Protein backbone atom coordinates (compact mmCIF):
# COMPACT_ATOMS: atom_id res chain seq x y z
CA MET A 1 18.82 -104.06 -35.73
CA LYS A 2 22.46 -103.03 -35.38
CA LYS A 3 24.02 -103.27 -31.95
CA TYR A 4 26.29 -100.44 -30.88
CA MET A 5 29.91 -101.10 -30.03
CA SER A 6 30.70 -101.08 -26.32
CA SER A 7 32.90 -98.44 -24.71
CA ALA A 8 35.69 -101.02 -24.32
CA GLN A 9 35.47 -101.96 -28.01
CA LEU A 10 35.57 -98.32 -29.13
CA LYS A 11 38.58 -97.62 -26.95
CA ALA A 12 40.43 -100.74 -28.10
CA LEU A 13 39.76 -99.79 -31.73
CA SER A 14 41.08 -96.28 -31.08
CA ARG A 15 44.27 -97.54 -29.43
CA GLY A 16 45.00 -99.64 -32.49
CA GLN A 17 44.36 -96.75 -34.88
CA LEU A 18 46.73 -94.48 -32.96
CA ILE A 19 49.71 -96.81 -33.30
CA GLY A 20 52.25 -95.01 -35.48
CA HIS A 21 50.28 -91.74 -35.37
CA TYR A 22 50.99 -90.41 -31.90
CA GLY A 23 53.62 -88.00 -33.21
CA THR A 24 51.10 -86.19 -35.41
CA THR A 25 48.30 -86.17 -32.83
CA ILE A 26 50.58 -84.94 -30.04
CA TRP A 27 51.95 -82.06 -32.13
CA ALA A 28 48.41 -81.13 -33.20
CA PHE A 29 47.28 -81.13 -29.56
CA LEU A 30 50.26 -79.05 -28.43
CA LEU A 31 49.74 -76.48 -31.20
CA VAL A 32 46.08 -75.97 -30.28
CA VAL A 33 46.94 -75.69 -26.57
CA ILE A 34 49.73 -73.14 -27.21
CA ILE A 35 47.53 -70.98 -29.46
CA ASN A 36 44.71 -71.04 -26.91
CA LEU A 37 47.06 -70.10 -24.07
CA LEU A 38 48.66 -67.26 -26.03
CA VAL A 39 45.37 -65.74 -27.19
CA ASN A 40 43.72 -65.99 -23.79
CA SER A 41 46.75 -64.63 -21.93
CA ILE A 42 46.98 -61.63 -24.27
CA PHE A 43 43.40 -60.44 -23.86
CA SER A 44 43.11 -61.31 -20.14
CA GLY A 45 46.26 -59.35 -19.38
CA LEU A 46 44.84 -56.23 -21.03
CA LEU A 47 41.54 -56.15 -19.09
CA ASP A 48 40.89 -54.86 -15.59
CA THR A 49 38.49 -57.32 -13.93
CA THR A 50 38.45 -55.43 -10.62
CA THR A 51 35.67 -53.19 -11.94
CA LEU A 52 32.17 -54.19 -13.11
CA PRO A 53 32.61 -52.80 -16.66
CA GLY A 54 35.98 -54.55 -16.90
CA THR A 55 34.47 -57.84 -15.72
CA ILE A 56 31.59 -57.58 -18.21
CA LEU A 57 34.02 -56.76 -21.03
CA TYR A 58 36.18 -59.70 -19.98
CA TYR A 59 33.29 -62.16 -20.28
CA ILE A 60 32.18 -60.71 -23.63
CA ILE A 61 35.67 -60.99 -25.12
CA SER A 62 36.16 -64.40 -23.52
CA PHE A 63 32.96 -65.59 -25.18
CA LEU A 64 34.02 -64.29 -28.60
CA VAL A 65 37.46 -65.86 -28.26
CA SER A 66 35.89 -69.19 -27.25
CA VAL A 67 33.68 -69.13 -30.35
CA ILE A 68 36.53 -68.33 -32.74
CA LEU A 69 39.03 -70.74 -31.19
CA GLY A 70 36.26 -73.34 -31.19
CA LEU A 71 36.96 -73.73 -34.90
CA PHE A 72 39.91 -75.83 -33.79
CA THR A 73 37.35 -78.34 -32.51
CA VAL A 74 36.11 -78.80 -36.07
CA GLY A 75 39.69 -79.23 -37.28
CA GLU A 76 40.55 -81.75 -34.58
CA ASN A 77 37.40 -83.71 -35.34
CA PHE A 78 38.42 -83.72 -39.00
CA LEU A 79 41.85 -85.08 -38.07
CA TYR A 80 40.45 -87.87 -35.87
CA LEU A 81 37.72 -88.85 -38.33
CA LYS A 82 40.44 -89.27 -40.96
CA LEU A 83 42.42 -91.37 -38.49
CA ALA A 84 39.37 -93.51 -37.68
CA THR A 85 38.64 -94.11 -41.36
CA GLY A 86 42.23 -95.04 -42.25
CA GLN A 87 43.13 -91.83 -44.09
CA PRO A 88 46.50 -90.04 -43.76
CA ILE A 89 46.50 -87.32 -41.11
CA ALA A 90 48.55 -84.14 -40.75
CA VAL A 91 49.01 -81.46 -38.10
CA SER A 92 47.63 -78.94 -40.62
CA ASP A 93 44.22 -80.67 -40.36
CA ILE A 94 43.50 -78.60 -37.24
CA TRP A 95 42.98 -75.53 -39.49
CA TYR A 96 40.17 -77.21 -41.41
CA GLY A 97 37.42 -75.36 -39.52
CA PHE A 98 38.94 -71.98 -40.37
CA GLN A 99 38.96 -72.80 -44.07
CA ASN A 100 35.75 -74.77 -44.64
CA ASN A 101 32.08 -74.14 -43.79
CA ARG A 102 33.21 -71.48 -41.32
CA ASP A 103 29.93 -69.54 -41.07
CA THR A 104 27.85 -72.57 -40.08
CA SER A 105 30.50 -73.66 -37.59
CA LEU A 106 30.62 -70.21 -35.97
CA LYS A 107 26.83 -70.10 -35.60
CA LEU A 108 26.79 -73.47 -33.88
CA LEU A 109 29.79 -72.57 -31.72
CA ALA A 110 28.06 -69.35 -30.67
CA ILE A 111 24.93 -71.22 -29.57
CA TYR A 112 26.97 -73.88 -27.80
CA ASN A 113 29.19 -71.41 -25.94
CA LEU A 114 26.28 -69.11 -25.10
CA LEU A 115 24.58 -71.99 -23.27
CA LEU A 116 27.77 -72.93 -21.42
CA TYR A 117 28.42 -69.32 -20.40
CA ALA A 118 24.81 -68.91 -19.23
CA PHE A 119 25.30 -71.85 -16.86
CA MET A 120 28.79 -70.80 -15.76
CA ILE A 121 28.48 -67.05 -15.11
CA PRO A 122 26.14 -67.28 -12.05
CA TYR A 123 28.59 -69.31 -9.97
CA LEU A 124 31.59 -67.36 -11.25
CA LEU A 125 30.01 -64.10 -10.11
CA LEU A 126 29.09 -65.67 -6.77
CA SER A 127 32.65 -66.96 -6.39
CA GLU A 128 33.91 -63.37 -6.38
CA LYS A 129 31.65 -62.61 -3.42
CA LEU A 130 32.35 -65.91 -1.70
CA VAL A 131 35.83 -64.93 -0.49
CA ASN A 132 36.42 -61.72 1.41
CA PRO A 133 39.53 -60.19 -0.24
CA SER A 134 40.59 -58.29 2.87
CA SER A 135 40.51 -61.22 5.32
CA LEU A 136 40.64 -64.12 2.80
CA THR A 137 37.74 -65.77 4.65
CA ILE A 138 34.71 -67.49 3.14
CA SER A 139 31.43 -65.62 3.42
CA ASN A 140 28.72 -67.89 4.84
CA GLU A 141 26.08 -65.72 3.17
CA TYR A 142 27.23 -66.72 -0.32
CA PHE A 143 28.48 -70.25 0.36
CA LEU A 144 25.19 -72.11 -0.16
CA PRO A 145 24.08 -70.08 -3.24
CA PHE A 146 27.52 -70.67 -4.77
CA CYS A 147 27.36 -74.44 -4.15
CA ILE A 148 23.85 -74.66 -5.64
CA ALA A 149 24.80 -72.59 -8.70
CA PHE A 150 28.01 -74.60 -9.14
CA VAL A 151 26.28 -78.00 -9.02
CA ILE A 152 23.35 -77.00 -11.25
CA GLY A 153 25.64 -75.18 -13.68
CA ASN A 154 27.94 -78.15 -14.10
CA ILE A 155 25.10 -80.65 -14.49
CA LEU A 156 23.55 -78.50 -17.22
CA SER A 157 26.95 -78.04 -18.88
CA ILE A 158 27.51 -81.81 -18.98
CA TYR A 159 24.07 -82.29 -20.54
CA VAL A 160 24.76 -79.62 -23.20
CA ASN A 161 28.15 -81.17 -23.98
CA LEU A 162 26.51 -84.55 -24.52
CA LEU A 163 23.70 -83.02 -26.58
CA PHE A 164 26.10 -81.11 -28.85
CA SER A 165 28.77 -83.83 -28.94
CA GLN A 166 28.09 -85.00 -32.52
CA ILE A 167 27.35 -81.63 -34.10
CA PHE A 168 30.93 -80.72 -34.96
CA TYR A 169 31.39 -84.08 -36.68
CA LEU A 170 28.17 -83.69 -38.68
CA ILE A 171 29.45 -80.40 -40.10
CA LEU A 172 32.17 -82.41 -41.80
CA ASP A 173 29.81 -85.00 -43.28
CA PHE A 174 27.04 -82.59 -44.30
CA PRO A 175 28.68 -79.30 -45.40
CA GLY A 176 25.52 -78.26 -47.28
CA TYR A 177 23.30 -78.39 -44.18
CA SER A 178 22.30 -75.22 -42.34
CA ALA A 179 23.20 -74.68 -38.70
CA LYS A 180 19.60 -75.53 -37.70
CA GLN A 181 19.63 -78.75 -39.73
CA ILE A 182 22.97 -79.81 -38.25
CA MET A 183 21.76 -79.08 -34.72
CA ASN A 184 18.48 -80.96 -35.16
CA TYR A 185 20.32 -83.93 -36.70
CA GLY A 186 22.87 -83.95 -33.89
CA PHE A 187 20.20 -83.87 -31.18
CA ARG A 188 18.28 -86.70 -32.85
CA LEU A 189 21.46 -88.73 -33.26
CA MET A 190 22.16 -88.52 -29.52
CA LYS A 191 18.64 -89.53 -28.50
CA GLY A 192 19.11 -92.62 -26.36
CA SER A 193 22.91 -92.45 -26.63
CA LYS A 194 23.80 -89.73 -24.13
CA GLY A 195 24.17 -92.28 -21.34
CA ARG A 196 26.55 -94.42 -23.42
CA LEU A 197 28.74 -91.44 -24.23
CA PHE A 198 28.71 -90.28 -20.60
CA TYR A 199 29.82 -93.74 -19.50
CA MET A 200 32.68 -93.67 -21.98
CA GLU A 201 33.66 -90.20 -20.76
CA ILE A 202 33.87 -91.20 -17.10
CA SER A 203 35.81 -94.36 -18.02
CA PHE A 204 38.72 -92.02 -18.82
CA LEU A 205 38.76 -90.55 -15.29
CA PRO A 206 41.48 -92.90 -13.94
CA LEU A 207 43.74 -91.91 -16.84
CA MET A 208 42.98 -88.24 -16.24
CA LEU A 209 44.01 -88.64 -12.60
CA LEU A 210 47.27 -90.20 -13.77
CA ALA A 211 47.73 -87.23 -16.10
CA CYS A 212 47.39 -84.89 -13.12
CA LEU A 213 50.02 -86.86 -11.22
CA SER A 214 52.34 -86.52 -14.22
CA LEU A 215 51.85 -82.72 -14.15
CA GLY A 216 49.80 -82.91 -17.34
CA ILE A 217 52.44 -84.69 -19.43
CA GLY A 218 50.23 -87.77 -19.70
CA LEU A 219 47.64 -85.69 -21.56
CA LEU A 220 49.89 -85.80 -24.61
CA TRP A 221 48.83 -89.43 -25.04
CA ILE A 222 45.47 -89.44 -23.24
CA TYR A 223 43.92 -86.58 -25.23
CA PRO A 224 44.48 -88.30 -28.63
CA TYR A 225 43.15 -91.54 -27.13
CA MET A 226 39.98 -89.80 -25.96
CA SER A 227 39.56 -87.88 -29.24
CA ALA A 228 39.95 -91.01 -31.34
CA SER A 229 37.39 -92.78 -29.15
CA HIS A 230 34.93 -89.91 -29.68
CA ALA A 231 35.43 -90.09 -33.44
CA ASN A 232 34.76 -93.82 -33.41
CA PHE A 233 31.66 -93.26 -31.26
CA PHE A 234 30.34 -90.91 -33.96
CA LEU A 235 31.10 -93.38 -36.76
CA ASP A 236 29.35 -96.12 -34.79
CA LEU A 237 26.26 -93.90 -34.46
CA MET A 238 26.30 -93.16 -38.17
CA LYS A 239 26.54 -96.86 -39.04
CA LYS A 240 23.33 -97.36 -37.09
CA GLU A 241 21.78 -94.52 -39.13
CA SER A 242 22.76 -96.18 -42.38
CA VAL A 243 20.94 -99.40 -41.54
CA ALA A 244 17.94 -97.74 -39.88
């Protein structure tokens, strides 16, 4: 029975793979961030969220944008899987999801984002009632419901992120699979491994705090480090599959 690599081993492997490739990964990260910021700023600036119809329209468009821009996730995974397997990488790899197996990716992204939005919207709506705009004071009536919705929403979001974590890698390895097949495979792959991935995720928290202290500049190196570690986590899972 194959033993999984530890979080420390996966991270050490990723650091070694990134040597000499930080230039490409940083530019790829910056390009995705800039595109996301531009697209989101354009549509958010055109919508009036002070009215109920405007707020509803905002969330609908925000959901659609999240699904479409989520194709960059597929491209980034493609880039880091190539890195982890010793293949040449390029900034242009981030467009892979827009050019390959797009329909399946969009279906899975729609399901994934729909779940996240379902958990997020309750506490976002409550947050608008939490603060009185005229006096800028917190309403005691909505404080407890907001806290409960916030905690439950974030716990469920973390669980969904762990559950779906391998799906956008599997799309790359199994382009002929349907969205349902990919999803079922991804869920089965993470059975018994969600705790290991969660541990690896929280092990990056000290670095994320340092990134905040550097006004986000540290993310230019931390994000590739995390992404490479996730790609190696997936490959480690698949090695276990191959010997099972």
